[in-house]
N, C-alpha and C. Protein backbone atom coordinates (compact mmCIF):
# COMPACT_ATOMS: atom_id res chain seq x y z
N MET A 1 74.71 53.08 52.71
CA MET A 1 75.96 52.58 53.19
C MET A 1 76.03 52.64 54.70
N GLY A 2 77.19 52.96 55.30
CA GLY A 2 77.35 52.94 56.74
C GLY A 2 76.97 54.28 57.39
N SER A 3 76.60 54.22 58.64
CA SER A 3 76.27 55.44 59.37
C SER A 3 77.52 55.97 60.08
N ASP A 4 77.51 57.27 60.35
CA ASP A 4 78.63 57.86 61.10
C ASP A 4 78.47 57.48 62.57
N ALA A 5 79.41 56.77 63.10
CA ALA A 5 79.32 56.34 64.48
C ALA A 5 80.08 57.26 65.43
N GLY A 6 80.91 58.17 64.93
CA GLY A 6 81.72 59.03 65.79
C GLY A 6 81.65 60.48 65.35
N LEU A 7 82.55 61.27 65.92
CA LEU A 7 82.63 62.67 65.59
C LEU A 7 83.69 62.89 64.53
N SER A 8 83.43 63.86 63.69
CA SER A 8 84.45 64.21 62.72
C SER A 8 85.47 65.10 63.42
N LEU A 9 86.61 65.28 62.82
CA LEU A 9 87.67 66.09 63.39
C LEU A 9 87.21 67.55 63.53
N VAL A 10 86.44 68.05 62.60
CA VAL A 10 85.94 69.42 62.65
C VAL A 10 85.00 69.59 63.85
N GLU A 11 84.10 68.65 64.06
CA GLU A 11 83.18 68.71 65.20
C GLU A 11 83.94 68.68 66.52
N LEU A 12 84.94 67.84 66.60
CA LEU A 12 85.75 67.74 67.81
C LEU A 12 86.46 69.06 68.11
N ILE A 13 87.02 69.70 67.11
CA ILE A 13 87.70 70.98 67.28
C ILE A 13 86.71 72.05 67.74
N VAL A 14 85.51 72.08 67.14
CA VAL A 14 84.50 73.05 67.52
C VAL A 14 84.08 72.84 68.98
N TYR A 15 83.84 71.62 69.40
CA TYR A 15 83.46 71.31 70.78
C TYR A 15 84.57 71.71 71.77
N LEU A 16 85.82 71.40 71.41
CA LEU A 16 86.94 71.77 72.28
C LEU A 16 87.07 73.29 72.40
N ALA A 17 86.89 74.00 71.29
CA ALA A 17 86.96 75.47 71.31
C ALA A 17 85.87 76.04 72.21
N LEU A 18 84.65 75.53 72.11
CA LEU A 18 83.56 75.97 72.97
C LEU A 18 83.85 75.66 74.44
N ALA A 19 84.40 74.50 74.71
CA ALA A 19 84.74 74.13 76.09
C ALA A 19 85.80 75.07 76.66
N VAL A 20 86.79 75.44 75.86
CA VAL A 20 87.83 76.36 76.32
C VAL A 20 87.24 77.73 76.61
N VAL A 21 86.35 78.22 75.75
CA VAL A 21 85.72 79.53 75.95
C VAL A 21 84.89 79.53 77.23
N VAL A 22 84.11 78.49 77.45
CA VAL A 22 83.28 78.40 78.66
C VAL A 22 84.16 78.30 79.91
N THR A 23 85.22 77.50 79.84
CA THR A 23 86.13 77.34 80.97
C THR A 23 86.82 78.66 81.32
N LEU A 24 87.26 79.39 80.29
CA LEU A 24 87.88 80.69 80.53
C LEU A 24 86.90 81.67 81.17
N GLY A 25 85.67 81.66 80.72
CA GLY A 25 84.65 82.55 81.29
C GLY A 25 84.39 82.24 82.75
N VAL A 26 84.25 80.97 83.07
CA VAL A 26 84.01 80.55 84.46
C VAL A 26 85.22 80.89 85.32
N THR A 27 86.42 80.65 84.82
CA THR A 27 87.65 80.94 85.57
C THR A 27 87.77 82.44 85.83
N THR A 28 87.46 83.26 84.84
CA THR A 28 87.52 84.72 85.00
C THR A 28 86.54 85.18 86.07
N MET A 29 85.34 84.65 86.05
CA MET A 29 84.35 85.02 87.06
C MET A 29 84.80 84.59 88.46
N PHE A 30 85.39 83.40 88.56
CA PHE A 30 85.87 82.91 89.85
C PHE A 30 86.98 83.80 90.39
N VAL A 31 87.97 84.11 89.56
CA VAL A 31 89.09 84.95 89.98
C VAL A 31 88.59 86.35 90.36
N SER A 32 87.66 86.89 89.59
CA SER A 32 87.09 88.19 89.90
C SER A 32 86.36 88.16 91.24
N GLY A 33 85.62 87.11 91.50
CA GLY A 33 84.90 86.96 92.77
C GLY A 33 85.85 86.86 93.95
N VAL A 34 86.92 86.11 93.81
CA VAL A 34 87.91 85.98 94.88
C VAL A 34 88.57 87.32 95.14
N SER A 35 88.92 88.05 94.09
CA SER A 35 89.54 89.36 94.23
C SER A 35 88.59 90.35 94.93
N ALA A 36 87.33 90.35 94.53
CA ALA A 36 86.34 91.24 95.17
C ALA A 36 86.17 90.87 96.63
N ASN A 37 86.15 89.59 96.95
CA ASN A 37 86.02 89.14 98.33
C ASN A 37 87.22 89.60 99.17
N THR A 38 88.42 89.49 98.62
CA THR A 38 89.63 89.92 99.33
C THR A 38 89.59 91.42 99.59
N SER A 39 89.20 92.19 98.57
CA SER A 39 89.11 93.65 98.73
C SER A 39 88.08 94.03 99.80
N THR A 40 86.95 93.36 99.78
CA THR A 40 85.90 93.63 100.76
C THR A 40 86.37 93.28 102.17
N THR A 41 87.02 92.15 102.32
CA THR A 41 87.54 91.73 103.61
C THR A 41 88.56 92.74 104.13
N ASN A 42 89.48 93.17 103.26
CA ASN A 42 90.49 94.16 103.66
C ASN A 42 89.84 95.48 104.07
N ARG A 43 88.85 95.93 103.31
CA ARG A 43 88.17 97.18 103.64
C ARG A 43 87.45 97.05 104.99
N ASP A 44 86.80 95.91 105.22
CA ASP A 44 86.11 95.69 106.48
C ASP A 44 87.09 95.68 107.66
N LEU A 45 88.25 95.03 107.49
CA LEU A 45 89.26 95.01 108.56
C LEU A 45 89.79 96.41 108.84
N ALA A 46 90.09 97.17 107.78
CA ALA A 46 90.59 98.54 107.95
C ALA A 46 89.54 99.42 108.63
N THR A 47 88.29 99.27 108.22
CA THR A 47 87.20 100.04 108.83
C THR A 47 87.05 99.69 110.31
N GLY A 48 87.11 98.42 110.64
CA GLY A 48 87.01 97.99 112.04
C GLY A 48 88.14 98.53 112.89
N GLN A 49 89.37 98.48 112.37
CA GLN A 49 90.51 99.00 113.11
C GLN A 49 90.40 100.52 113.30
N ALA A 50 90.01 101.21 112.23
CA ALA A 50 89.86 102.67 112.31
C ALA A 50 88.78 103.05 113.32
N GLN A 51 87.68 102.31 113.33
CA GLN A 51 86.59 102.60 114.27
C GLN A 51 87.03 102.34 115.72
N LEU A 52 87.76 101.25 115.93
CA LEU A 52 88.29 100.94 117.26
C LEU A 52 89.19 102.07 117.76
N ILE A 53 90.09 102.54 116.91
CA ILE A 53 91.02 103.60 117.30
C ILE A 53 90.27 104.90 117.56
N SER A 54 89.35 105.24 116.67
CA SER A 54 88.58 106.47 116.83
C SER A 54 87.79 106.46 118.13
N THR A 55 87.15 105.35 118.44
CA THR A 55 86.38 105.23 119.68
C THR A 55 87.30 105.33 120.90
N SER A 56 88.44 104.66 120.84
CA SER A 56 89.40 104.70 121.94
C SER A 56 89.89 106.13 122.18
N LEU A 57 90.24 106.83 121.10
CA LEU A 57 90.70 108.22 121.22
C LEU A 57 89.62 109.13 121.79
N GLN A 58 88.42 109.05 121.24
CA GLN A 58 87.34 109.92 121.69
C GLN A 58 86.98 109.67 123.15
N THR A 59 86.86 108.40 123.53
CA THR A 59 86.55 108.06 124.91
C THR A 59 87.65 108.52 125.85
N GLY A 60 88.90 108.24 125.49
CA GLY A 60 90.02 108.63 126.33
C GLY A 60 90.13 110.13 126.51
N ILE A 61 90.05 110.87 125.43
CA ILE A 61 90.21 112.33 125.52
C ILE A 61 89.01 112.98 126.21
N ARG A 62 87.81 112.53 125.92
CA ARG A 62 86.63 113.10 126.59
C ARG A 62 86.67 112.89 128.10
N ASN A 63 87.30 111.80 128.53
CA ASN A 63 87.43 111.51 129.95
C ASN A 63 88.76 112.00 130.52
N ALA A 64 89.49 112.79 129.75
CA ALA A 64 90.79 113.28 130.19
C ALA A 64 90.66 114.67 130.82
N SER A 65 91.53 114.92 131.79
CA SER A 65 91.61 116.27 132.36
C SER A 65 92.67 117.08 131.63
N ASP A 66 93.62 116.39 131.02
CA ASP A 66 94.70 117.06 130.31
C ASP A 66 95.35 116.06 129.37
N PHE A 67 95.98 116.57 128.31
CA PHE A 67 96.72 115.71 127.39
C PHE A 67 97.80 116.52 126.70
N THR A 68 98.74 115.82 126.10
CA THR A 68 99.82 116.47 125.37
C THR A 68 100.12 115.67 124.11
N VAL A 69 100.64 116.38 123.10
CA VAL A 69 101.02 115.75 121.83
C VAL A 69 102.49 116.02 121.59
N THR A 70 103.23 114.96 121.33
CA THR A 70 104.65 115.04 120.95
C THR A 70 104.82 114.25 119.67
N ASP A 71 105.01 114.94 118.55
CA ASP A 71 105.08 114.29 117.24
C ASP A 71 103.84 113.42 117.02
N ASN A 72 104.02 112.12 116.85
CA ASN A 72 102.87 111.21 116.66
C ASN A 72 102.56 110.42 117.93
N LEU A 73 102.81 111.04 119.07
CA LEU A 73 102.53 110.43 120.37
C LEU A 73 101.55 111.33 121.13
N LEU A 74 100.46 110.74 121.57
CA LEU A 74 99.44 111.45 122.34
C LEU A 74 99.38 110.79 123.72
N ARG A 75 99.52 111.60 124.78
CA ARG A 75 99.44 111.10 126.15
C ARG A 75 98.38 111.88 126.89
N ALA A 76 97.59 111.17 127.72
CA ALA A 76 96.48 111.82 128.42
C ALA A 76 96.35 111.30 129.84
N ARG A 77 95.84 112.17 130.72
CA ARG A 77 95.47 111.81 132.09
C ARG A 77 93.97 111.59 132.07
N VAL A 78 93.55 110.33 132.25
CA VAL A 78 92.17 109.92 131.99
C VAL A 78 91.49 109.45 133.29
N ALA A 79 90.27 109.95 133.50
CA ALA A 79 89.47 109.51 134.64
C ALA A 79 88.93 108.11 134.37
N THR A 80 89.00 107.26 135.41
CA THR A 80 88.52 105.88 135.26
C THR A 80 87.27 105.61 136.06
N GLY A 81 86.76 106.58 136.74
CA GLY A 81 85.57 106.42 137.57
C GLY A 81 85.41 107.65 138.45
N ALA A 82 84.76 107.46 139.58
CA ALA A 82 84.48 108.59 140.47
C ALA A 82 85.75 109.25 140.99
N SER A 83 86.78 108.47 141.32
CA SER A 83 87.99 109.07 141.87
C SER A 83 89.28 108.46 141.33
N GLY A 84 89.20 107.64 140.30
CA GLY A 84 90.38 106.99 139.77
C GLY A 84 90.93 107.67 138.52
N TRP A 85 92.24 107.59 138.34
CA TRP A 85 92.91 108.17 137.18
C TRP A 85 93.92 107.18 136.65
N GLN A 86 94.15 107.24 135.35
CA GLN A 86 95.22 106.46 134.74
C GLN A 86 95.80 107.27 133.58
N CYS A 87 96.98 106.87 133.17
CA CYS A 87 97.61 107.50 132.02
C CYS A 87 97.34 106.62 130.80
N GLU A 88 97.02 107.25 129.69
CA GLU A 88 96.82 106.53 128.44
C GLU A 88 97.65 107.21 127.37
N ALA A 89 98.12 106.41 126.42
CA ALA A 89 98.89 106.97 125.31
C ALA A 89 98.55 106.23 124.04
N TRP A 90 98.56 106.96 122.95
CA TRP A 90 98.34 106.43 121.61
C TRP A 90 99.48 106.95 120.73
N ALA A 91 99.92 106.15 119.78
CA ALA A 91 101.02 106.61 118.93
C ALA A 91 100.99 105.89 117.59
N ILE A 92 101.56 106.54 116.60
CA ILE A 92 101.90 105.88 115.34
C ILE A 92 103.41 105.76 115.35
N THR A 93 103.90 104.53 115.31
CA THR A 93 105.34 104.29 115.38
C THR A 93 106.02 104.65 114.06
N SER A 94 107.34 104.71 114.08
CA SER A 94 108.08 104.99 112.85
C SER A 94 107.88 103.87 111.83
N GLY A 95 107.52 102.68 112.30
CA GLY A 95 107.22 101.56 111.41
C GLY A 95 105.79 101.55 110.89
N GLY A 96 104.98 102.53 111.33
CA GLY A 96 103.63 102.66 110.82
C GLY A 96 102.55 101.92 111.59
N LYS A 97 102.86 101.42 112.78
CA LYS A 97 101.84 100.75 113.59
C LYS A 97 101.13 101.78 114.47
N PHE A 98 99.84 101.58 114.67
CA PHE A 98 99.08 102.41 115.60
C PHE A 98 99.00 101.63 116.90
N VAL A 99 99.57 102.20 117.99
CA VAL A 99 99.69 101.47 119.26
C VAL A 99 99.03 102.26 120.39
N HIS A 100 98.75 101.54 121.49
CA HIS A 100 98.07 102.11 122.65
C HIS A 100 98.67 101.52 123.92
N ARG A 101 98.64 102.32 124.99
CA ARG A 101 99.14 101.84 126.28
C ARG A 101 98.42 102.55 127.41
N THR A 102 98.19 101.84 128.50
CA THR A 102 97.67 102.45 129.73
C THR A 102 98.68 102.17 130.84
N SER A 103 98.70 103.08 131.83
CA SER A 103 99.63 102.93 132.94
C SER A 103 99.09 103.68 134.15
N SER A 104 99.48 103.25 135.32
CA SER A 104 99.08 103.96 136.55
C SER A 104 100.06 105.09 136.86
N SER A 105 101.15 105.17 136.09
CA SER A 105 102.12 106.25 136.28
C SER A 105 102.43 106.91 134.93
N ALA A 106 103.25 107.94 134.98
CA ALA A 106 103.56 108.72 133.77
C ALA A 106 104.14 107.83 132.67
N ILE A 107 103.82 108.18 131.43
CA ILE A 107 104.33 107.47 130.25
C ILE A 107 105.32 108.39 129.55
N ALA A 108 106.60 108.00 129.58
CA ALA A 108 107.64 108.81 128.94
C ALA A 108 107.63 108.56 127.43
N VAL A 109 108.29 109.44 126.68
CA VAL A 109 108.45 109.20 125.25
C VAL A 109 109.33 107.96 125.11
N PRO A 110 108.79 106.89 124.52
CA PRO A 110 109.54 105.63 124.50
C PRO A 110 110.60 105.60 123.40
N ALA A 111 111.67 104.84 123.66
CA ALA A 111 112.68 104.60 122.64
C ALA A 111 112.12 103.65 121.59
N ASP A 112 111.33 102.70 122.04
CA ASP A 112 110.59 101.81 121.14
C ASP A 112 109.23 101.53 121.77
N PHE A 113 108.37 100.91 121.02
CA PHE A 113 107.00 100.71 121.50
C PHE A 113 106.73 99.24 121.84
N SER A 114 107.76 98.50 122.21
CA SER A 114 107.56 97.11 122.59
C SER A 114 106.73 97.07 123.87
N GLY A 115 105.80 96.15 123.94
CA GLY A 115 104.91 96.04 125.08
C GLY A 115 103.64 96.85 124.93
N TRP A 116 103.54 97.68 123.90
CA TRP A 116 102.32 98.44 123.64
C TRP A 116 101.36 97.57 122.85
N THR A 117 100.07 97.81 123.00
CA THR A 117 99.05 97.07 122.27
C THR A 117 98.94 97.63 120.85
N VAL A 118 99.05 96.75 119.86
CA VAL A 118 98.94 97.17 118.46
C VAL A 118 97.46 97.18 118.08
N LEU A 119 96.97 98.36 117.68
CA LEU A 119 95.58 98.51 117.25
C LEU A 119 95.44 98.40 115.74
N ALA A 120 96.51 98.73 115.01
CA ALA A 120 96.52 98.60 113.55
C ALA A 120 97.96 98.43 113.09
N GLU A 121 98.16 97.58 112.11
CA GLU A 121 99.51 97.29 111.61
C GLU A 121 100.04 98.37 110.68
N THR A 122 99.16 99.03 109.93
CA THR A 122 99.60 100.01 108.95
C THR A 122 98.78 101.28 109.10
N ALA A 123 99.42 102.33 109.61
CA ALA A 123 98.75 103.61 109.84
C ALA A 123 99.67 104.74 109.43
N GLN A 124 99.07 105.83 109.05
CA GLN A 124 99.86 107.03 108.76
C GLN A 124 99.04 108.26 109.12
N GLY A 125 99.73 109.26 109.64
CA GLY A 125 99.07 110.51 110.00
C GLY A 125 98.66 111.27 108.75
N ALA A 126 97.57 112.01 108.84
CA ALA A 126 97.05 112.74 107.68
C ALA A 126 97.06 114.25 107.89
N LEU A 127 97.70 114.71 108.96
CA LEU A 127 97.85 116.15 109.18
C LEU A 127 99.17 116.62 108.55
N THR A 128 99.43 117.89 108.60
CA THR A 128 100.65 118.47 108.04
C THR A 128 101.88 117.74 108.56
N GLY A 129 102.76 117.38 107.66
CA GLY A 129 104.01 116.71 108.05
C GLY A 129 103.82 115.26 108.42
N GLY A 130 102.69 114.66 108.08
CA GLY A 130 102.45 113.25 108.41
C GLY A 130 102.09 113.01 109.86
N ARG A 131 101.77 114.08 110.57
CA ARG A 131 101.37 113.92 111.97
C ARG A 131 99.94 113.40 112.04
N ALA A 132 99.60 112.73 113.14
CA ALA A 132 98.26 112.20 113.33
C ALA A 132 97.46 113.03 114.33
N PHE A 133 98.15 113.76 115.22
CA PHE A 133 97.48 114.47 116.30
C PHE A 133 97.87 115.95 116.33
N ALA A 134 96.91 116.78 116.67
CA ALA A 134 97.17 118.20 116.92
C ALA A 134 96.27 118.62 118.08
N MET A 135 96.78 119.54 118.88
CA MET A 135 95.98 120.01 120.01
C MET A 135 95.86 121.52 119.99
N SER A 136 94.73 121.98 120.48
CA SER A 136 94.47 123.40 120.63
C SER A 136 93.72 123.56 121.94
N ALA A 137 94.40 124.10 122.95
CA ALA A 137 93.86 124.19 124.31
C ALA A 137 93.50 122.79 124.78
N ASN A 138 92.22 122.51 125.05
CA ASN A 138 91.83 121.18 125.53
C ASN A 138 91.08 120.38 124.44
N ARG A 139 91.32 120.72 123.17
CA ARG A 139 90.68 120.04 122.04
C ARG A 139 91.72 119.26 121.24
N LEU A 140 91.42 118.00 120.96
CA LEU A 140 92.29 117.14 120.15
C LEU A 140 91.71 117.04 118.74
N GLU A 141 92.59 117.14 117.77
CA GLU A 141 92.25 116.85 116.38
C GLU A 141 93.10 115.66 115.96
N ALA A 142 92.46 114.60 115.47
CA ALA A 142 93.17 113.42 115.02
C ALA A 142 92.77 113.11 113.58
N ARG A 143 93.77 112.95 112.71
CA ARG A 143 93.55 112.62 111.31
C ARG A 143 94.56 111.55 110.93
N PHE A 144 94.07 110.41 110.46
CA PHE A 144 94.97 109.33 110.09
C PHE A 144 94.31 108.41 109.09
N LYS A 145 95.11 107.55 108.49
CA LYS A 145 94.63 106.57 107.53
C LYS A 145 95.11 105.19 107.96
N ILE A 146 94.19 104.24 107.97
CA ILE A 146 94.50 102.85 108.29
C ILE A 146 94.42 102.06 106.97
N THR A 147 95.44 101.25 106.70
CA THR A 147 95.48 100.47 105.47
C THR A 147 95.62 98.99 105.80
N VAL A 148 94.79 98.18 105.14
CA VAL A 148 94.89 96.73 105.21
C VAL A 148 94.87 96.22 103.77
N GLY A 149 95.97 95.61 103.34
CA GLY A 149 96.05 95.15 101.96
C GLY A 149 95.90 96.31 100.99
N ASP A 150 94.93 96.20 100.09
CA ASP A 150 94.70 97.25 99.09
C ASP A 150 93.65 98.26 99.52
N ALA A 151 93.15 98.16 100.75
CA ALA A 151 92.07 99.04 101.21
C ALA A 151 92.58 100.01 102.27
N GLY A 152 92.19 101.27 102.11
CA GLY A 152 92.56 102.29 103.08
C GLY A 152 91.32 103.03 103.57
N VAL A 153 91.29 103.33 104.86
CA VAL A 153 90.18 104.06 105.46
C VAL A 153 90.74 105.27 106.19
N SER A 154 90.25 106.44 105.84
CA SER A 154 90.69 107.68 106.48
C SER A 154 89.74 108.05 107.60
N ILE A 155 90.31 108.53 108.70
CA ILE A 155 89.52 108.94 109.86
C ILE A 155 89.89 110.38 110.23
N ALA A 156 88.87 111.15 110.50
CA ALA A 156 89.04 112.51 111.01
C ALA A 156 88.13 112.62 112.23
N THR A 157 88.71 112.87 113.38
CA THR A 157 87.92 112.95 114.59
C THR A 157 88.45 114.06 115.49
N ASP A 158 87.58 114.61 116.28
CA ASP A 158 87.92 115.64 117.25
C ASP A 158 87.32 115.25 118.60
N ALA A 159 88.00 115.64 119.66
CA ALA A 159 87.47 115.37 121.00
C ALA A 159 87.93 116.48 121.94
N LEU A 160 87.12 116.72 122.94
CA LEU A 160 87.37 117.78 123.90
C LEU A 160 87.60 117.15 125.27
N ALA A 161 88.75 117.47 125.90
CA ALA A 161 89.04 116.96 127.25
C ALA A 161 88.11 117.66 128.23
N GLN A 162 87.35 116.86 129.00
CA GLN A 162 86.30 117.43 129.85
C GLN A 162 86.36 117.04 131.31
N ALA A 163 87.21 116.10 131.68
CA ALA A 163 87.22 115.61 133.06
C ALA A 163 87.81 116.66 134.01
N LYS A 164 87.30 116.67 135.20
CA LYS A 164 87.78 117.57 136.26
C LYS A 164 88.01 116.74 137.50
N GLY A 165 88.90 117.17 138.34
CA GLY A 165 89.09 116.47 139.61
C GLY A 165 90.54 116.31 139.99
N GLU A 166 90.73 115.90 141.20
CA GLU A 166 92.06 115.70 141.75
C GLU A 166 92.32 114.20 141.84
N GLY A 167 93.58 113.85 141.96
CA GLY A 167 93.92 112.45 142.13
C GLY A 167 95.25 112.14 141.51
N SER A 168 95.64 110.90 141.65
CA SER A 168 96.92 110.47 141.14
C SER A 168 96.68 109.67 139.85
N PRO A 169 97.51 109.73 138.86
CA PRO A 169 98.72 110.53 138.77
C PRO A 169 98.38 111.98 138.47
N THR A 170 99.24 112.90 138.94
CA THR A 170 98.99 114.31 138.70
C THR A 170 99.36 114.70 137.29
N THR A 171 100.28 113.97 136.69
CA THR A 171 100.63 114.19 135.29
C THR A 171 100.95 112.84 134.65
N CYS A 172 100.85 112.77 133.38
CA CYS A 172 101.09 111.52 132.67
C CYS A 172 102.25 111.61 131.68
N TRP A 173 103.09 112.66 131.82
CA TRP A 173 104.24 112.80 130.92
C TRP A 173 105.37 113.51 131.61
């Protein structure tokens, strides 16, 4: 008699079911890949910001003749060369930003941190009471966490103020 020229309804349903299973598998892998990429990007950004801050703190304090800590505000008198000095300050704001500022004159405790350079958008101190900085004689201890998206990077660093010399400014606070 006649040959089957098309698909039966059962074959069509089986093919559609297989297509749905394959499509779901591919979609799941794609979404998983995008999520992993986002997490990796966030971790890389947090690591970069934490490294920038750590390097800035270590360089500043090692080149400092003196520094002071007030809550989450660190201010230092930093040597800039053979005979130059500047004031530098780092802080974690009440809004959680890690900020930095340099000045040729003393840096007072600010009412707000407008005009300061933002080094990280989301930071929190990791010392007792949520503080980021502690000092003991001429040694700084800094502990903080930088967060970008779902990724957080913790930093623990210490630095010793070592600069000596005379010059202006005589104090930075």
